[in-house]
Amino acid sequence: MTDLYRAREEFGARLRRLREDAGLNGKQLAAALSWPHSKISKIELGRQRPTVDEVTAWAEATGAVADTEALLTDLRSLRVESAAWRRQLRGGHGVRQRASIGLEHAAMTIRAFEPGVVPGLLQTADYARQLLGRLAALHNLPTDVEQGVRLRMRRQEVLYEPGKQLRFLMTEAALRYRPCTAATLRGQLDRLLAISGLDTVELAVISFEAELPMSTSHGFWIFDERLVLVETLSSELSLRDVEDVELYIRHFERLWEVASRGEEARTVIGDVMRGLG
């Protein structure tokens, strides 16, 4: 049983106690809320995650309005899923890269911010090979780097899908850091210049001289307006709460406003390339 499912069970049991304390059985509460009886059961057993409106209605129907704020705080925690990298990579890089393919093809708009590395969808094979190999070594896992690289390259087919809006935001530091040889980094920067001409792609770089609206502590990817992925050293967080997604979109747009875009972004990339000799 996962920690997330156990948390849903505990939350469901808490709602069940509120119903029982109100002297209602499942059918009576369902009737009061105009819900199917099966929905009450699924929520109480942790098989269905309720919405904000549903939890609020539940509290009102059971006379537990005073508990609403605390319930909603706990509900938000259920909408943050954490998947440890060690667990994700146990089956190799290929499994993780395949999961990204479906997610990226399903989204019409992707906003990606990376403060310290070139985004995966824009990486060359040589650059990706270095990153994937080091990630596996960090977690002491057997590696299938070459399969991971092939699938990461396959992910990039999404760059050429008509109608997509793919917005990539990086810091100048991400262009200058060397998780690879200078030759590999030079090839990676050249790839960025080529990709910046695609109709589906918008590229922006936050230069060292830019005045930031706030700190850029970690990278994140936003898929449409429904999901945010945040990578930490040990885990990947999936955020689906509406307020969380809206917060990350606001943060992205404010960073985007101070970034160099279009020809200015290409100028920054070109300057970094010339510095490599």
Foldseek 3Di string as FASTA:
>chain_A
DDPLLVLQLVLLCVLVVLCVVLVHDLVRLCVVVVHPSVVNVCSNRSNDQDDLVVLCSSCVSSVNNVCSVVSVVSSQVSQKDKDWPCNQCQVALLSVLVVVLVLLLVFQEKEKEAAAAFDLLLADLQRQLLVQVVLCVVSVHDYPSVSNSVSSPVSNVSLQDPRHAYEYEYELNNLQDPSDDLVRSLVSLVSVVVSCPRPRYWYWYQYPPFDAPDDDPFIWMAGHQAWIWTDDSTIIIIGGPNVVSVVVVVNSVRSRVRTDTDPRRNVSSVVSSVVSD
